[in-house]
Amino acid sequence: MPDPENVVSHFMKKFEPERTRVLLLYRNYNGTLIDSSVLTRIQDGLDQTCEFYLIDGRRDNGLLIADFFDFT
């Protein structure tokens, strides 16, 4: 996978979304960790419209990635 920092930055510049949610597997199913310096750079580079989450890929995370809207 490309560098997560670049992916998020390019996505936000290209699409200018109202809100972005970034989800990274902090531990994948094998228990491998992402380098903490990468996490710090990503978090420092985000603006107020971007939410940043770390997911432990070894467990079921169900509704964390679900988004619910009430348009009433």
C-alpha atoms as a PDB file:
ATOM      1  CA  MET A   1       0.000   0.000   0.000  1.00  0.00           C
ATOM      2  CA  PRO A   2       1.208   3.545  -0.656  1.00  0.00           C
ATOM      3  CA  ASP A   3       2.267   5.702   2.271  1.00  0.00           C
ATOM      4  CA  PRO A   4      -0.915   6.416   4.299  1.00  0.00           C
ATOM      5  CA  GLU A   5       0.148  10.026   4.900  1.00  0.00           C
ATOM      6  CA  ASN A   6       0.306  10.728   1.153  1.00  0.00           C
ATOM      7  CA  VAL A   7      -2.929   8.864   0.412  1.00  0.00           C
ATOM      8  CA  VAL A   8      -4.922  10.919   2.922  1.00  0.00           C
ATOM      9  CA  SER A   9      -3.333  14.200   1.850  1.00  0.00           C
ATOM     10  CA  HIS A  10      -3.973  13.625  -1.867  1.00  0.00           C
ATOM     11  CA  PHE A  11      -7.520  12.409  -1.239  1.00  0.00           C
ATOM     12  CA  MET A  12      -8.412  15.508   0.761  1.00  0.00           C
ATOM     13  CA  LYS A  13      -6.866  17.884  -1.808  1.00  0.00           C
ATOM     14  CA  LYS A  14      -8.518  16.141  -4.767  1.00  0.00           C
ATOM     15  CA  PHE A  15     -12.052  15.743  -3.412  1.00  0.00           C
ATOM     16  CA  GLU A  16     -12.260  18.470  -0.722  1.00  0.00           C
ATOM     17  CA  PRO A  17     -14.720  16.409   1.333  1.00  0.00           C
ATOM     18  CA  GLU A  18     -16.853  17.915   4.063  1.00  0.00           C
ATOM     19  CA  ARG A  19     -15.660  15.163   6.392  1.00  0.00           C
ATOM     20  CA  THR A  20     -13.138  12.332   6.168  1.00  0.00           C
ATOM     21  CA  ARG A  21     -12.664   9.331   8.412  1.00  0.00           C
ATOM     22  CA  VAL A  22      -9.273   7.607   8.275  1.00  0.00           C
ATOM     23  CA  LEU A  23      -9.122   4.067   9.636  1.00  0.00           C
ATOM     24  CA  LEU A  24      -5.797   2.287   9.940  1.00  0.00           C
ATOM     25  CA  LEU A  25      -5.161  -1.241  11.106  1.00  0.00           C
ATOM     26  CA  TYR A  26      -2.753  -0.542  13.941  1.00  0.00           C
ATOM     27  CA  ARG A  27      -2.295  -4.255  14.375  1.00  0.00           C
ATOM     28  CA  ASN A  28      -3.164  -6.413  11.431  1.00  0.00           C
ATOM     29  CA  TYR A  29      -4.412  -9.978  11.769  1.00  0.00           C
ATOM     30  CA  ASN A  30      -0.793 -11.106  12.300  1.00  0.00           C
ATOM     31  CA  GLY A  31      -0.250  -8.563  15.087  1.00  0.00           C
ATOM     32  CA  THR A  32       2.124  -6.391  13.027  1.00  0.00           C
ATOM     33  CA  LEU A  33       2.338  -2.768  14.227  1.00  0.00           C
ATOM     34  CA  ILE A  34       2.640   0.382  12.120  1.00  0.00           C
ATOM     35  CA  ASP A  35       5.712   2.493  12.875  1.00  0.00           C
ATOM     36  CA  SER A  36       4.687   5.134  15.442  1.00  0.00           C
ATOM     37  CA  SER A  37       6.444   7.903  13.475  1.00  0.00           C
ATOM     38  CA  VAL A  38       4.044   7.249  10.576  1.00  0.00           C
ATOM     39  CA  LEU A  39       1.065   7.557  12.913  1.00  0.00           C
ATOM     40  CA  THR A  40       2.395  10.827  14.332  1.00  0.00           C
ATOM     41  CA  ARG A  41       2.948  12.345  10.866  1.00  0.00           C
ATOM     42  CA  ILE A  42      -0.550  11.380   9.737  1.00  0.00           C
ATOM     43  CA  GLN A  43      -2.206  12.767  12.845  1.00  0.00           C
ATOM     44  CA  ASP A  44      -0.205  16.013  12.725  1.00  0.00           C
ATOM     45  CA  GLY A  45      -1.070  16.539   9.063  1.00  0.00           C
ATOM     46  CA  LEU A  46      -4.836  16.217   9.439  1.00  0.00           C
ATOM     47  CA  ASP A  47      -7.152  19.189   9.546  1.00  0.00           C
ATOM     48  CA  GLN A  48     -10.353  19.650  11.551  1.00  0.00           C
ATOM     49  CA  THR A  49     -12.522  17.866   8.974  1.00  0.00           C
ATOM     50  CA  CYS A  50     -10.629  14.583   9.284  1.00  0.00           C
ATOM     51  CA  GLU A  51     -11.178  11.945  11.950  1.00  0.00           C
ATOM     52  CA  PHE A  52      -8.378   9.475  12.598  1.00  0.00           C
ATOM     53  CA  TYR A  53      -8.890   6.004  14.113  1.00  0.00           C
ATOM     54  CA  LEU A  54      -6.670   3.035  14.808  1.00  0.00           C
ATOM     55  CA  ILE A  55      -8.295  -0.371  14.592  1.00  0.00           C
ATOM     56  CA  ASP A  56      -6.939  -3.559  16.095  1.00  0.00           C
ATOM     57  CA  GLY A  57      -7.330  -5.895  13.116  1.00  0.00           C
ATOM     58  CA  ARG A  58      -7.108  -8.982  15.311  1.00  0.00           C
ATOM     59  CA  ARG A  59     -10.631  -8.351  16.634  1.00  0.00           C
ATOM     60  CA  ASP A  60     -14.068  -7.753  15.161  1.00  0.00           C
ATOM     61  CA  ASN A  61     -14.656  -4.000  15.101  1.00  0.00           C
ATOM     62  CA  GLY A  62     -18.224  -4.081  13.840  1.00  0.00           C
ATOM     63  CA  LEU A  63     -19.902  -0.697  13.885  1.00  0.00           C
ATOM     64  CA  LEU A  64     -16.827   1.520  14.168  1.00  0.00           C
ATOM     65  CA  ILE A  65     -16.752   1.970  10.407  1.00  0.00           C
ATOM     66  CA  ALA A  66     -20.528   2.275  10.065  1.00  0.00           C
ATOM     67  CA  ASP A  67     -21.926   5.748   9.596  1.00  0.00           C
ATOM     68  CA  PHE A  68     -25.450   6.659  10.590  1.00  0.00           C
ATOM     69  CA  PHE A  69     -27.360   9.712   9.419  1.00  0.00           C
ATOM     70  CA  ASP A  70     -30.719  11.002  10.556  1.00  0.00           C
ATOM     71  CA  PHE A  71     -32.034  13.242   7.797  1.00  0.00           C
ATOM     72  CA  THR A  72     -35.350  13.958   9.510  1.00  0.00           C
END
